[in-house]
Each structure stands twice: as structure tokens, then as C-alpha cells.
Protein backbone atom coordinates (compact mmCIF):
# COMPACT_ATOMS: atom_id res chain seq x y z
CA MET A 1 64.63 127.25 143.05
CA ARG A 2 65.59 124.13 141.24
CA PRO A 3 68.82 123.49 142.77
CA PHE A 4 67.77 124.30 146.23
CA PHE A 5 65.27 121.59 145.71
CA LEU A 6 68.56 119.55 144.61
CA LEU A 7 69.93 119.96 147.16
CA TRP A 8 67.17 119.76 149.80
CA ALA A 9 66.38 116.16 148.04
CA SER A 10 69.91 114.77 148.97
CA SER A 11 69.56 115.38 151.91
CA ALA A 12 66.07 114.04 152.48
CA LEU A 13 67.04 110.76 150.93
CA VAL A 14 70.44 110.62 153.07
CA ALA A 15 67.94 110.95 156.38
CA ALA A 16 65.21 108.56 154.53
CA LYS A 17 68.29 105.95 153.77
CA ALA A 18 69.13 106.89 157.91
CA LEU A 19 65.59 105.78 158.82
CA SER A 20 64.87 102.11 157.01
CA VAL A 21 63.73 99.25 159.45
CA PRO A 22 64.80 95.82 158.14
CA ASN A 23 62.07 94.05 157.03
CA ILE A 24 59.46 96.64 157.39
CA ALA A 25 57.28 95.78 154.32
CA ALA A 26 56.98 92.41 156.92
CA SER A 27 55.55 94.44 159.89
CA GLY A 28 52.01 94.61 159.20
CA ALA A 29 51.65 97.92 157.21
CA SER A 30 48.73 99.46 156.37
CA SER A 31 46.14 97.25 154.19
CA SER A 32 45.31 99.14 150.44
CA GLN A 33 42.08 96.75 150.54
CA SER A 34 39.09 98.38 151.19
CA VAL A 35 38.09 96.73 154.08
CA HIS A 36 40.83 98.12 156.18
CA ASN A 37 42.28 96.23 158.86
CA ALA A 38 43.50 97.24 162.14
CA VAL A 39 46.82 98.28 162.25
CA PRO A 40 48.18 100.43 164.59
CA LEU A 41 50.85 102.61 163.21
CA GLY A 42 53.37 101.35 166.48
CA SER A 43 52.39 97.79 164.57
CA ARG A 44 53.93 98.62 161.11
CA PHE A 45 57.85 99.21 163.17
CA PRO A 46 59.71 95.45 164.24
CA SER A 47 62.11 97.53 165.94
CA SER A 48 60.75 99.03 169.81
CA SER A 49 63.10 101.98 169.12
CA VAL A 50 60.85 103.22 166.28
CA SER A 51 57.86 105.50 167.52
CA LEU A 52 55.87 108.03 166.50
CA ASN A 53 57.59 110.41 167.55
CA ASP A 54 60.19 109.30 165.73
CA PHE A 55 58.21 109.14 162.61
CA LEU A 56 56.76 112.64 163.84
CA ALA A 57 60.91 113.94 163.90
CA GLN A 58 61.83 112.47 160.58
CA LEU A 59 58.81 114.58 158.71
CA ALA A 60 60.74 118.01 160.04
CA LEU A 61 63.97 116.03 158.45
CA LEU A 62 61.93 115.83 154.99
CA PHE A 63 59.36 118.35 154.91
CA PRO A 64 60.32 121.89 154.22
CA PHE A 65 58.61 124.43 156.34
CA ASP A 66 58.08 128.47 157.11
CA VAL A 67 57.77 128.01 153.12
CA LEU A 68 54.73 129.39 150.98
CA VAL A 69 52.06 126.61 150.01
CA GLN A 70 52.69 128.15 146.04
CA ASN A 71 56.53 126.75 146.29
CA ALA A 72 56.30 124.10 148.27
CA ALA A 73 55.20 121.72 145.44
CA ASP A 74 57.69 119.46 143.77
CA LEU A 75 59.08 119.53 147.75
CA THR A 76 55.89 118.38 149.01
CA LEU A 77 55.48 115.28 146.85
CA PHE A 78 58.74 114.55 146.73
CA ALA A 79 59.22 114.06 150.60
CA GLN A 80 55.56 112.15 150.91
CA ASN A 81 56.76 109.54 148.39
CA VAL A 82 60.33 109.09 150.17
CA ILE A 83 58.35 108.76 153.54
CA ALA A 84 55.18 106.16 152.37
CA LYS A 85 58.24 104.53 150.53
CA VAL A 86 60.63 104.03 153.97
CA TRP A 87 57.18 103.65 156.11
CA ASP A 88 55.73 101.03 153.18
CA ILE A 89 52.31 103.68 154.03
CA SER A 90 49.44 102.74 151.77
CA THR A 91 48.70 106.23 150.00
CA THR A 92 45.54 105.32 147.76
CA GLN A 93 42.05 103.68 149.22
CA ASP A 94 38.85 102.48 147.75
CA ALA A 95 36.03 101.44 149.37
CA ILE A 96 34.68 99.09 147.52
CA VAL A 97 33.03 96.64 150.16
CA CYS A 98 30.32 97.71 152.58
CA ALA A 99 31.41 98.13 156.15
CA ASP A 100 30.36 98.86 159.63
CA VAL A 101 32.07 102.75 158.97
CA THR A 102 33.43 104.44 156.12
CA ILE A 103 35.51 107.41 156.24
CA VAL A 104 35.32 109.60 153.60
CA PHE A 105 38.39 111.34 153.57
CA ALA A 106 39.96 114.41 151.33
CA ARG A 107 44.05 114.35 151.20
CA GLY A 108 45.95 117.83 151.45
CA THR A 109 47.67 119.91 149.02
CA ASN A 110 49.69 117.70 147.01
CA GLU A 111 49.46 114.62 148.94
CA ALA A 112 50.29 111.57 147.57
CA GLY A 113 47.93 108.76 146.64
CA ASN A 114 44.40 109.42 147.46
CA VAL A 115 44.30 109.94 150.83
CA GLY A 116 48.21 110.99 151.58
CA VAL A 117 50.63 110.38 154.27
CA LEU A 118 50.59 112.75 156.66
CA VAL A 119 47.49 112.13 158.36
CA GLY A 120 44.81 109.92 156.61
CA PRO A 121 46.50 106.23 157.17
CA GLU A 122 47.36 106.54 160.90
CA PHE A 123 43.57 108.27 161.56
CA PHE A 124 42.43 105.29 160.03
CA ASP A 125 44.49 102.63 162.29
CA ALA A 126 43.67 104.74 164.62
CA VAL A 127 39.88 104.14 164.28
CA ALA A 128 40.98 100.15 162.97
CA ALA A 129 42.27 100.08 166.22
CA ARG A 130 39.31 101.02 168.21
CA LEU A 131 37.09 98.96 165.93
CA ALA A 132 38.54 95.34 166.16
CA PRO A 133 37.69 92.92 165.84
CA ARG A 134 34.03 93.37 165.83
CA ARG A 135 33.78 95.71 163.04
CA THR A 136 34.98 96.81 160.11
CA MET A 137 36.21 100.03 158.50
CA ALA A 138 36.35 101.10 154.91
CA VAL A 139 37.86 103.79 153.96
CA GLN A 140 37.97 106.00 150.55
CA GLY A 141 39.71 108.79 149.27
CA VAL A 142 38.47 111.62 147.28
CA ASN A 143 40.38 111.62 143.63
CA TYR A 144 41.20 114.97 143.21
CA PRO A 145 43.84 117.16 141.99
CA ALA A 146 44.34 118.66 145.54
CA SER A 147 46.37 121.07 143.39
CA ILE A 148 47.75 124.53 144.81
CA PRO A 149 45.00 126.86 142.44
CA GLY A 150 42.60 124.48 144.05
CA PHE A 151 43.75 125.33 147.76
CA LEU A 152 43.85 129.05 146.78
CA GLN A 153 40.37 129.18 145.25
CA GLY A 154 39.14 127.73 148.28
CA GLY A 155 38.80 123.76 147.88
CA ASP A 156 38.77 122.03 144.12
CA PRO A 157 35.65 122.66 142.52
CA LEU A 158 36.06 119.11 141.00
CA GLY A 159 37.42 117.70 144.48
CA SER A 160 33.95 119.03 145.95
CA GLN A 161 32.28 117.40 143.68
CA GLN A 162 33.55 114.33 143.39
CA MET A 163 33.43 114.09 147.80
CA VAL A 164 29.31 114.27 147.24
CA LEU A 165 29.34 111.70 144.64
CA ASP A 166 31.98 109.06 146.54
CA VAL A 167 29.20 109.95 150.04
CA ARG A 168 25.89 109.46 147.81
CA ARG A 169 27.45 106.35 146.52
CA LEU A 170 28.57 104.68 149.55
CA LEU A 171 25.03 106.19 151.23
CA GLY A 172 23.09 104.51 148.86
CA GLY A 173 24.95 101.34 148.25
CA CYS A 174 25.97 100.53 151.60
CA PRO A 175 22.60 102.34 153.79
CA ASN A 176 23.93 100.83 157.09
CA THR A 177 27.32 102.44 157.44
CA LYS A 178 28.62 104.76 159.95
CA LEU A 179 29.53 107.47 157.44
CA VAL A 180 32.62 109.59 158.58
CA LEU A 181 33.76 112.72 156.27
CA SER A 182 37.18 113.94 157.13
CA GLY A 183 40.22 116.06 155.80
CA TYR A 184 43.43 117.52 155.99
CA SER A 185 43.86 120.66 155.17
CA GLN A 186 42.50 122.07 151.42
CA GLY A 187 41.12 118.43 152.21
CA GLY A 188 39.75 120.52 155.05
CA GLN A 189 38.00 123.23 152.42
CA VAL A 190 36.58 120.13 150.23
CA VAL A 191 34.66 118.61 153.58
CA HIS A 192 33.36 122.15 153.86
CA ASN A 193 32.50 122.01 150.22
CA THR A 194 30.72 118.90 149.85
CA ALA A 195 28.58 119.58 153.08
CA ASN A 196 27.26 122.47 151.68
CA LEU A 197 26.06 120.35 147.93
CA LEU A 198 24.87 117.71 149.98
CA SER A 199 21.54 117.64 150.76
CA ALA A 200 19.93 117.56 154.47
CA SER A 201 18.93 114.12 153.86
CA ALA A 202 22.14 112.64 152.85
CA LEU A 203 23.64 115.40 155.93
CA ALA A 204 21.20 113.41 158.53
CA ARG A 205 23.24 110.42 157.98
CA VAL A 206 26.60 111.81 158.38
CA SER A 207 27.93 110.06 161.72
CA SER A 208 30.88 112.70 162.75
CA THR A 209 33.18 114.72 161.15
CA VAL A 210 36.92 115.54 161.67
CA ILE A 211 39.23 117.72 159.88
CA PHE A 212 42.52 118.57 160.37
CA GLY A 213 44.61 121.65 159.86
CA ASP A 214 41.16 123.82 159.05
CA PRO A 215 42.02 126.56 156.20
CA LYS A 216 38.26 127.67 157.00
CA TYR A 217 38.56 127.16 161.06
CA PRO A 218 37.03 128.35 163.50
CA ALA A 219 34.13 128.25 160.75
CA LEU A 220 31.85 124.71 161.24
CA LEU A 221 30.40 122.67 158.74
CA ALA A 222 26.71 123.24 157.17
CA GLY A 223 24.46 121.46 158.33
CA ILE A 224 25.89 119.07 160.47
CA PRO A 225 25.42 119.21 164.61
CA ALA A 226 28.55 121.51 166.02
CA SER A 227 28.91 118.16 168.61
CA ARG A 228 29.22 116.00 165.45
CA GLN A 229 31.64 117.89 164.14
CA LEU A 230 35.79 117.84 165.47
CA VAL A 231 38.61 120.38 164.15
CA ILE A 232 41.74 120.04 165.02
CA CYS A 233 44.20 123.03 164.76
CA HIS A 234 47.56 124.03 166.03
CA ASP A 235 48.23 127.11 167.70
CA THR A 236 51.08 128.16 165.18
CA ASP A 237 49.50 126.62 162.23
CA ASP A 238 49.04 129.91 159.83
CA ILE A 239 47.52 127.56 157.38
CA CYS A 240 44.15 126.82 160.28
CA GLY A 241 42.49 130.39 159.88
CA GLY A 242 43.03 131.33 156.20
CA GLY A 243 47.25 131.94 155.80
CA ASP A 244 49.81 130.76 153.78
CA LEU A 245 52.60 129.54 154.94
CA ILE A 246 53.64 125.75 155.73
CA ARG A 247 54.98 125.60 159.08
CA ALA A 248 56.01 122.67 161.04
CA SER A 249 52.96 123.02 163.46
CA HIS A 250 50.24 121.72 159.73
CA LEU A 251 52.78 118.85 159.38
CA ASP A 252 52.62 117.14 162.89
CA TYR A 253 48.70 116.20 162.94
CA ALA A 254 49.54 112.57 163.43
CA MET A 255 50.01 113.24 166.42
CA ASP A 256 46.09 114.04 167.18
CA VAL A 257 44.67 111.16 165.76
CA ASP A 258 43.86 109.63 168.91
CA GLU A 259 41.93 111.72 169.66
CA ALA A 260 40.01 112.45 166.74
CA ALA A 261 39.39 107.96 166.44
CA ASP A 262 38.16 108.46 170.05
CA PHE A 263 35.75 110.99 168.64
CA VAL A 264 34.13 109.13 165.88
CA MET A 265 33.69 105.73 168.04
CA ARG A 266 31.43 108.76 170.45
CA TRP A 267 29.53 109.25 167.68
CA LEU A 268 28.96 105.61 165.97
């Protein structure tokens, strides 16, 4: 697999170089601060010729698909690091300041940082844009390995425990915050496991939940009203519902962040 990886990586670097946008670092990228500034994804790009559609199209160039999860580790992490660099995306978020709304997010398998690249940052921007300018938002990424073995066993147990600790800390330290639980891919498994581990009193304080590409679809989270849960699964996504084949339809959930943000706002 190594020769293929080197060939693919070279092609990805060429594609990434072609994607470079002048002065992108000064264009208002997502903040890594705990209280998130409202910077929609589109405003990252100083050129009007660059859009979310362009971003999604380039994922198809940089990411492997029609590959088993077990075979995609090196390719996925490499592609994410390239995209994070080119598009100036922050892949780590740690909520240390209380805000009006707090999203606890579990990234997918082999994603970078603690919130990844494919869905998390775009989702946060979409929610923050709707909250601005009167309300603030914080994001806590779940710090866990997000490894392939974790995915294969139904969500990393350590990640699930860490998300429980994050939720308890935030509910205790920020009693007035509106809490949103969210995850992508294996992160969805972690959200399910977290719901099973939290007390009824803690779950009662969850404003809403959003899962993208949920491997446990169509199962709902335990202990949270179905009306407050949103699961977004694409029709051809094999990961949704328990498969292990990564198709293009598992990589483009950034196109659904507006729907997800509107759902979150409905329950604040």
C-alpha cells in the first residue's frame, strides 16, 4: 500500500497547491478560541470564485473513497492535514470560557485535531453565524484517539468516557449554557455511547443533538426526545447503518451544515 500512498500523496499535493488562495490566512478563518467568532465558511475565501461547492469538489480530489475504513488511515490523515493547511482551518477547539451555546463535538476516524476538518469547523461556523452578534458560542472537541479499532468496536470507549467528562464539566461549570452534542462518523458512535453513560438529569439539560454520517443509524440516542435529535445520513453512505466502505457520500457532509445549524437554533 505504501507505493500507492506515495503516488496518491504526490497527486494530492499538486491538487492542494492548485487550490491555494492568496492571503487566505488573513481572510478571517475559524477561531481556535473557546468563544467562537461568527465567521461563516464562505468568508474564509477572499476570492468570490471560491465557494463551499469548490471546497467540496476538492475533497473528491484529495480524499480516498471506495476504500475500506481499515485501509484508509494514512490517506485520510494526510488529506486532512493538507486541507487544514490550504484552507486555514482550525482542527482543535477547547471550551474554557462559558458561552451562551456550547457544542461538544466528536470527530470521525483518523480526523485531525479534536474536531477534524470535514464537518466540525463548517458546522460551528454555521451555528455561530446564526447566533451573532447577540449570543456567543463555545466548542469543545472530544480528545480521543479516533482510531480504526475504536470504530470497529462501535466507538472508542475512552472517547466515550472523555465526552461524558466534558459534558459533566461544562454542565457544572457553565450551568446556563445551552448544550449541543454532535459527532461525525465514529464521533456519532461516541455520542450514542455517551448518551448511554450520562445520567437522566444530565441528558435533560441537552438542548439538541446532531450526528452526521451515523454508523448506528437508524437507532436514536437513549434518554433524549426524538424531536431534539437530528441524524443526517446520505443515501449511498455505506458507513451509515453499519458498513465500513468509505464512499464520496461519507465525505461531503459539509453541504448539510445549514440544515444542522437551523435545527440547533430551533431548540435554543
